[in-house]
Amino acid sequence: MRTTININIINEVIQMSYNNLVQQFNDMLDRGVIPCMEYGLGNDEWLVVDIQVMDLQSERKGITFSLSEDFTTYFSGSIEKIGESFLLPYDKYFDSLDSYLEQIADEILEGVLLPNNLLVDED
C-alpha cells in the first residue's frame, strides 16, 4: 500500500513538471517566438528545424523536431524517430525548456551538420 502511494506521488510530480515544460513552450509562443532553429547552408539555402512539444494527453512526452531537408542523421541514442519527426523524450531531471533546446541544437550540429559536411565558414 505504501509503495503504491509513493508511486502515485512520483507520477503526479512528474506530470506537474511536464506541465511546467509545456507552459514554458506556450509562454514562448505567447511572446511571439517562432519555435524553430535556422542554419545557413550557403548559397542562400537554409536548414530549418521546426520544434513542437508533445501534447499533455499524448502517451509519449517530450520535444519533437523536424528538418526542412532530408539528410542522413546521426543522432545520439536518446533521440527517437517518429514518422518524419524526431523526439527528444521528456526527462524528469530537466524541467527547463532551454535545456531541451540546447540539446536539440547540439544534436543538429553533431548529428546533421558535421557528418553531412554542411557547416559554412562565415568570414
N, C-alpha and C. Protein backbone atom coordinates (compact mmCIF):
# COMPACT_ATOMS: atom_id res chain seq x y z
N MET A 1 0.83 -1.19 0.00
CA MET A 1 0.00 0.00 0.00
C MET A 1 0.88 1.26 0.00
N ARG A 2 1.87 1.30 0.85
CA ARG A 2 2.75 2.46 0.95
C ARG A 2 3.51 2.68 -0.36
N THR A 3 3.96 1.60 -1.02
CA THR A 3 4.66 1.71 -2.29
C THR A 3 3.75 2.29 -3.35
N THR A 4 2.50 1.90 -3.38
CA THR A 4 1.54 2.43 -4.36
C THR A 4 1.35 3.92 -4.17
N ILE A 5 1.24 4.38 -2.95
CA ILE A 5 1.09 5.80 -2.66
C ILE A 5 2.32 6.56 -3.14
N ASN A 6 3.51 6.05 -2.85
CA ASN A 6 4.74 6.72 -3.28
C ASN A 6 4.84 6.79 -4.80
N ILE A 7 4.46 5.74 -5.50
CA ILE A 7 4.49 5.75 -6.96
C ILE A 7 3.51 6.77 -7.50
N ASN A 8 2.32 6.86 -6.90
CA ASN A 8 1.33 7.84 -7.33
C ASN A 8 1.84 9.27 -7.13
N ILE A 9 2.49 9.51 -6.01
CA ILE A 9 3.05 10.84 -5.74
C ILE A 9 4.14 11.16 -6.75
N ILE A 10 5.01 10.21 -7.03
CA ILE A 10 6.08 10.43 -8.01
C ILE A 10 5.48 10.73 -9.38
N ASN A 11 4.47 9.97 -9.79
CA ASN A 11 3.83 10.22 -11.09
C ASN A 11 3.19 11.60 -11.15
N GLU A 12 2.59 12.05 -10.05
CA GLU A 12 2.00 13.39 -10.01
C GLU A 12 3.07 14.47 -10.14
N VAL A 13 4.19 14.29 -9.47
CA VAL A 13 5.29 15.26 -9.55
C VAL A 13 5.83 15.32 -10.97
N ILE A 14 6.00 14.16 -11.61
CA ILE A 14 6.49 14.11 -12.99
C ILE A 14 5.50 14.83 -13.91
N GLN A 15 4.21 14.58 -13.74
CA GLN A 15 3.20 15.23 -14.58
C GLN A 15 3.22 16.75 -14.37
N MET A 16 3.36 17.20 -13.13
CA MET A 16 3.44 18.64 -12.86
C MET A 16 4.66 19.25 -13.53
N SER A 17 5.77 18.54 -13.49
CA SER A 17 6.99 19.02 -14.12
C SER A 17 6.82 19.12 -15.64
N TYR A 18 6.18 18.11 -16.24
CA TYR A 18 5.94 18.15 -17.68
C TYR A 18 4.97 19.28 -18.03
N ASN A 19 3.95 19.48 -17.19
CA ASN A 19 3.02 20.60 -17.40
C ASN A 19 3.78 21.92 -17.41
N ASN A 20 4.78 22.05 -16.53
CA ASN A 20 5.61 23.25 -16.47
C ASN A 20 6.38 23.44 -17.77
N LEU A 21 6.92 22.35 -18.32
CA LEU A 21 7.64 22.42 -19.59
C LEU A 21 6.71 22.88 -20.72
N VAL A 22 5.50 22.32 -20.76
CA VAL A 22 4.52 22.72 -21.78
C VAL A 22 4.16 24.20 -21.60
N GLN A 23 4.02 24.63 -20.37
CA GLN A 23 3.69 26.03 -20.11
C GLN A 23 4.82 26.95 -20.57
N GLN A 24 6.07 26.57 -20.36
CA GLN A 24 7.20 27.36 -20.85
C GLN A 24 7.14 27.50 -22.37
N PHE A 25 6.82 26.41 -23.06
CA PHE A 25 6.71 26.43 -24.51
C PHE A 25 5.58 27.36 -24.94
N ASN A 26 4.43 27.26 -24.29
CA ASN A 26 3.30 28.12 -24.62
C ASN A 26 3.60 29.59 -24.32
N ASP A 27 4.32 29.85 -23.24
CA ASP A 27 4.73 31.23 -22.92
C ASP A 27 5.63 31.78 -24.02
N MET A 28 6.52 30.93 -24.53
CA MET A 28 7.41 31.33 -25.63
C MET A 28 6.57 31.72 -26.85
N LEU A 29 5.56 30.91 -27.16
CA LEU A 29 4.68 31.22 -28.30
C LEU A 29 3.92 32.52 -28.06
N ASP A 30 3.43 32.73 -26.83
CA ASP A 30 2.70 33.95 -26.49
C ASP A 30 3.55 35.20 -26.65
N ARG A 31 4.87 35.06 -26.47
CA ARG A 31 5.78 36.20 -26.65
C ARG A 31 6.11 36.43 -28.12
N GLY A 32 5.56 35.61 -29.00
CA GLY A 32 5.79 35.78 -30.43
C GLY A 32 7.04 35.10 -30.96
N VAL A 33 7.63 34.22 -30.18
CA VAL A 33 8.82 33.50 -30.61
C VAL A 33 8.38 32.35 -31.51
N ILE A 34 8.98 32.25 -32.67
CA ILE A 34 8.68 31.16 -33.59
C ILE A 34 9.51 29.95 -33.18
N PRO A 35 8.88 28.81 -32.93
CA PRO A 35 9.61 27.65 -32.43
C PRO A 35 10.38 26.92 -33.53
N CYS A 36 11.49 27.52 -33.93
CA CYS A 36 12.32 26.88 -34.94
C CYS A 36 13.77 27.35 -34.77
N MET A 37 14.65 26.61 -35.41
CA MET A 37 16.07 26.97 -35.47
C MET A 37 16.42 27.01 -36.95
N GLU A 38 17.27 27.94 -37.34
CA GLU A 38 17.69 28.04 -38.74
C GLU A 38 19.22 27.97 -38.81
N TYR A 39 19.69 27.20 -39.79
CA TYR A 39 21.13 27.05 -40.00
C TYR A 39 21.44 27.37 -41.46
N GLY A 40 22.30 28.36 -41.68
CA GLY A 40 22.70 28.71 -43.03
C GLY A 40 23.57 27.62 -43.63
N LEU A 41 23.24 27.18 -44.84
CA LEU A 41 23.99 26.13 -45.52
C LEU A 41 24.82 26.67 -46.66
N GLY A 42 24.76 27.98 -46.91
CA GLY A 42 25.46 28.58 -48.03
C GLY A 42 24.56 28.65 -49.25
N ASN A 43 24.94 29.48 -50.21
CA ASN A 43 24.16 29.66 -51.44
C ASN A 43 22.70 29.98 -51.16
N ASP A 44 22.45 30.78 -50.13
CA ASP A 44 21.10 31.18 -49.73
C ASP A 44 20.19 29.99 -49.41
N GLU A 45 20.76 28.89 -48.99
CA GLU A 45 19.98 27.73 -48.56
C GLU A 45 20.03 27.64 -47.04
N TRP A 46 18.94 27.17 -46.47
CA TRP A 46 18.82 27.10 -45.02
C TRP A 46 18.26 25.75 -44.59
N LEU A 47 18.75 25.25 -43.49
CA LEU A 47 18.14 24.11 -42.83
C LEU A 47 17.27 24.68 -41.73
N VAL A 48 15.97 24.41 -41.79
CA VAL A 48 15.03 24.90 -40.78
C VAL A 48 14.60 23.70 -39.93
N VAL A 49 14.70 23.88 -38.63
CA VAL A 49 14.30 22.85 -37.68
C VAL A 49 13.06 23.36 -36.94
N ASP A 50 11.91 22.75 -37.22
CA ASP A 50 10.66 23.11 -36.54
C ASP A 50 10.57 22.33 -35.24
N ILE A 51 10.12 23.01 -34.19
CA ILE A 51 10.10 22.42 -32.85
C ILE A 51 8.67 22.47 -32.30
N GLN A 52 8.25 21.37 -31.69
CA GLN A 52 6.94 21.28 -31.04
C GLN A 52 7.09 20.52 -29.74
N VAL A 53 6.16 20.75 -28.83
CA VAL A 53 6.12 19.97 -27.59
C VAL A 53 4.97 18.98 -27.73
N MET A 54 5.19 17.76 -27.24
CA MET A 54 4.14 16.75 -27.30
C MET A 54 2.97 17.18 -26.42
N ASP A 55 1.77 16.90 -26.87
CA ASP A 55 0.54 17.23 -26.17
C ASP A 55 0.51 16.58 -24.79
N LEU A 56 -0.12 17.25 -23.85
CA LEU A 56 -0.20 16.72 -22.48
C LEU A 56 -0.89 15.37 -22.42
N GLN A 57 -1.86 15.14 -23.32
CA GLN A 57 -2.59 13.89 -23.32
C GLN A 57 -1.86 12.78 -24.08
N SER A 58 -0.83 13.12 -24.78
CA SER A 58 -0.08 12.14 -25.55
C SER A 58 0.59 11.13 -24.63
N GLU A 59 0.62 9.90 -25.07
CA GLU A 59 1.30 8.87 -24.29
C GLU A 59 2.80 9.14 -24.24
N ARG A 60 3.36 9.64 -25.35
CA ARG A 60 4.78 9.99 -25.43
C ARG A 60 4.93 11.43 -24.99
N LYS A 61 5.93 11.72 -24.22
CA LYS A 61 6.17 13.09 -23.75
C LYS A 61 7.56 13.51 -24.17
N GLY A 62 7.69 14.77 -24.55
CA GLY A 62 8.98 15.30 -24.94
C GLY A 62 8.83 16.40 -25.97
N ILE A 63 9.95 16.75 -26.58
CA ILE A 63 10.01 17.79 -27.60
C ILE A 63 10.27 17.11 -28.94
N THR A 64 9.43 17.42 -29.93
CA THR A 64 9.66 16.87 -31.26
C THR A 64 10.26 17.95 -32.14
N PHE A 65 11.03 17.50 -33.12
CA PHE A 65 11.58 18.44 -34.10
C PHE A 65 11.66 17.75 -35.44
N SER A 66 11.54 18.55 -36.48
CA SER A 66 11.63 18.03 -37.85
C SER A 66 12.54 18.93 -38.66
N LEU A 67 13.12 18.35 -39.71
CA LEU A 67 14.08 19.06 -40.55
C LEU A 67 13.41 19.42 -41.87
N SER A 68 13.76 20.59 -42.40
CA SER A 68 13.19 21.03 -43.67
C SER A 68 13.77 20.29 -44.86
N GLU A 69 14.91 19.66 -44.66
CA GLU A 69 15.58 18.90 -45.73
C GLU A 69 15.79 17.48 -45.25
N ASP A 70 15.92 16.57 -46.19
CA ASP A 70 16.14 15.17 -45.86
C ASP A 70 17.64 14.87 -45.90
N PHE A 71 18.25 14.78 -44.72
CA PHE A 71 19.67 14.46 -44.59
C PHE A 71 19.81 13.16 -43.81
N THR A 72 20.90 12.47 -44.05
CA THR A 72 21.23 11.34 -43.21
C THR A 72 21.55 11.90 -41.83
N THR A 73 20.96 11.30 -40.80
CA THR A 73 21.15 11.80 -39.44
C THR A 73 21.91 10.78 -38.60
N TYR A 74 22.69 11.32 -37.69
CA TYR A 74 23.49 10.52 -36.78
C TYR A 74 23.26 11.03 -35.36
N PHE A 75 22.01 10.95 -34.90
CA PHE A 75 21.68 11.47 -33.58
C PHE A 75 22.11 10.49 -32.49
N SER A 76 22.22 11.02 -31.29
CA SER A 76 22.57 10.17 -30.14
C SER A 76 21.43 9.19 -29.88
N GLY A 77 21.70 8.24 -29.02
CA GLY A 77 20.71 7.22 -28.71
C GLY A 77 19.47 7.72 -28.02
N SER A 78 19.50 8.94 -27.50
CA SER A 78 18.32 9.46 -26.81
C SER A 78 17.26 9.99 -27.77
N ILE A 79 17.61 10.24 -29.01
CA ILE A 79 16.67 10.76 -30.00
C ILE A 79 15.95 9.60 -30.68
N GLU A 80 14.62 9.68 -30.74
CA GLU A 80 13.80 8.65 -31.35
C GLU A 80 13.16 9.18 -32.63
N LYS A 81 13.08 8.35 -33.65
CA LYS A 81 12.42 8.72 -34.91
C LYS A 81 10.94 8.39 -34.78
N ILE A 82 10.09 9.36 -35.08
CA ILE A 82 8.64 9.17 -35.06
C ILE A 82 8.10 9.71 -36.37
N GLY A 83 7.82 8.84 -37.31
CA GLY A 83 7.35 9.28 -38.63
C GLY A 83 8.42 10.12 -39.29
N GLU A 84 8.06 11.34 -39.67
CA GLU A 84 9.00 12.26 -40.31
C GLU A 84 9.71 13.16 -39.29
N SER A 85 9.37 13.00 -38.03
CA SER A 85 9.93 13.85 -36.97
C SER A 85 10.85 13.04 -36.06
N PHE A 86 11.47 13.77 -35.14
CA PHE A 86 12.34 13.17 -34.14
C PHE A 86 11.86 13.60 -32.77
N LEU A 87 12.01 12.74 -31.79
CA LEU A 87 11.57 13.02 -30.42
C LEU A 87 12.75 13.02 -29.48
N LEU A 88 12.88 14.11 -28.74
CA LEU A 88 13.78 14.16 -27.59
C LEU A 88 12.88 13.90 -26.39
N PRO A 89 12.92 12.68 -25.83
CA PRO A 89 11.99 12.32 -24.77
C PRO A 89 12.13 13.20 -23.53
N TYR A 90 11.00 13.36 -22.87
CA TYR A 90 10.97 14.08 -21.61
C TYR A 90 11.85 13.38 -20.59
N ASP A 91 12.60 14.15 -19.84
CA ASP A 91 13.47 13.63 -18.79
C ASP A 91 13.09 14.36 -17.50
N LYS A 92 12.65 13.63 -16.52
CA LYS A 92 12.17 14.24 -15.28
C LYS A 92 13.22 15.08 -14.57
N TYR A 93 14.48 14.92 -14.94
CA TYR A 93 15.55 15.68 -14.30
C TYR A 93 15.80 17.03 -14.97
N PHE A 94 15.18 17.27 -16.11
CA PHE A 94 15.33 18.55 -16.82
C PHE A 94 13.96 19.20 -16.94
N ASP A 95 13.77 20.30 -16.25
CA ASP A 95 12.46 20.95 -16.27
C ASP A 95 12.50 22.30 -16.97
N SER A 96 13.61 22.62 -17.60
CA SER A 96 13.74 23.89 -18.30
C SER A 96 13.70 23.67 -19.81
N LEU A 97 12.86 24.40 -20.50
CA LEU A 97 12.78 24.31 -21.95
C LEU A 97 14.14 24.60 -22.58
N ASP A 98 14.89 25.52 -21.99
CA ASP A 98 16.22 25.85 -22.52
C ASP A 98 17.13 24.63 -22.60
N SER A 99 17.05 23.74 -21.60
CA SER A 99 17.87 22.53 -21.60
C SER A 99 17.56 21.66 -22.82
N TYR A 100 16.29 21.54 -23.15
CA TYR A 100 15.88 20.73 -24.30
C TYR A 100 16.32 21.39 -25.61
N LEU A 101 16.16 22.70 -25.70
CA LEU A 101 16.55 23.41 -26.93
C LEU A 101 18.06 23.34 -27.14
N GLU A 102 18.82 23.44 -26.07
CA GLU A 102 20.28 23.31 -26.18
C GLU A 102 20.67 21.91 -26.65
N GLN A 103 19.99 20.89 -26.12
CA GLN A 103 20.32 19.53 -26.55
C GLN A 103 19.95 19.31 -28.02
N ILE A 104 18.81 19.87 -28.44
CA ILE A 104 18.43 19.74 -29.86
C ILE A 104 19.45 20.44 -30.74
N ALA A 105 19.90 21.63 -30.34
CA ALA A 105 20.92 22.35 -31.11
C ALA A 105 22.20 21.53 -31.22
N ASP A 106 22.61 20.90 -30.12
CA ASP A 106 23.80 20.04 -30.15
C ASP A 106 23.60 18.84 -31.06
N GLU A 107 22.40 18.25 -31.01
CA GLU A 107 22.09 17.10 -31.87
C GLU A 107 22.14 17.49 -33.35
N ILE A 108 21.64 18.67 -33.67
CA ILE A 108 21.65 19.13 -35.07
C ILE A 108 23.09 19.34 -35.53
N LEU A 109 23.89 19.97 -34.69
CA LEU A 109 25.29 20.20 -35.05
C LEU A 109 26.03 18.87 -35.24
N GLU A 110 25.94 18.00 -34.25
CA GLU A 110 26.73 16.77 -34.26
C GLU A 110 26.09 15.65 -35.08
N GLY A 111 24.77 15.70 -35.27
CA GLY A 111 24.09 14.60 -35.95
C GLY A 111 23.63 14.90 -37.36
N VAL A 112 23.72 16.18 -37.78
CA VAL A 112 23.31 16.55 -39.14
C VAL A 112 24.39 17.37 -39.83
N LEU A 113 24.74 18.51 -39.26
CA LEU A 113 25.65 19.44 -39.93
C LEU A 113 27.05 18.88 -40.11
N LEU A 114 27.66 18.41 -39.05
CA LEU A 114 29.04 17.90 -39.15
C LEU A 114 29.15 16.66 -40.04
N PRO A 115 28.36 15.61 -39.81
CA PRO A 115 28.54 14.41 -40.63
C PRO A 115 28.17 14.58 -42.10
N ASN A 116 27.34 15.57 -42.41
CA ASN A 116 26.96 15.82 -43.81
C ASN A 116 27.78 16.95 -44.43
N ASN A 117 28.81 17.40 -43.70
CA ASN A 117 29.71 18.45 -44.18
C ASN A 117 28.94 19.70 -44.61
N LEU A 118 28.04 20.14 -43.74
CA LEU A 118 27.17 21.27 -44.06
C LEU A 118 27.55 22.57 -43.37
N LEU A 119 28.60 22.55 -42.56
CA LEU A 119 28.99 23.77 -41.88
C LEU A 119 29.57 24.75 -42.90
N VAL A 120 29.15 25.99 -42.80
CA VAL A 120 29.61 27.03 -43.70
C VAL A 120 30.56 27.94 -42.94
N ASP A 121 31.72 28.20 -43.49
CA ASP A 121 32.69 29.11 -42.88
C ASP A 121 32.23 30.52 -43.13
N GLU A 122 31.87 31.21 -42.05
CA GLU A 122 31.37 32.58 -42.16
C GLU A 122 32.50 33.56 -41.90
N ASP A 123 33.00 34.18 -42.96
CA ASP A 123 34.08 35.16 -42.81
C ASP A 123 33.54 36.55 -42.71
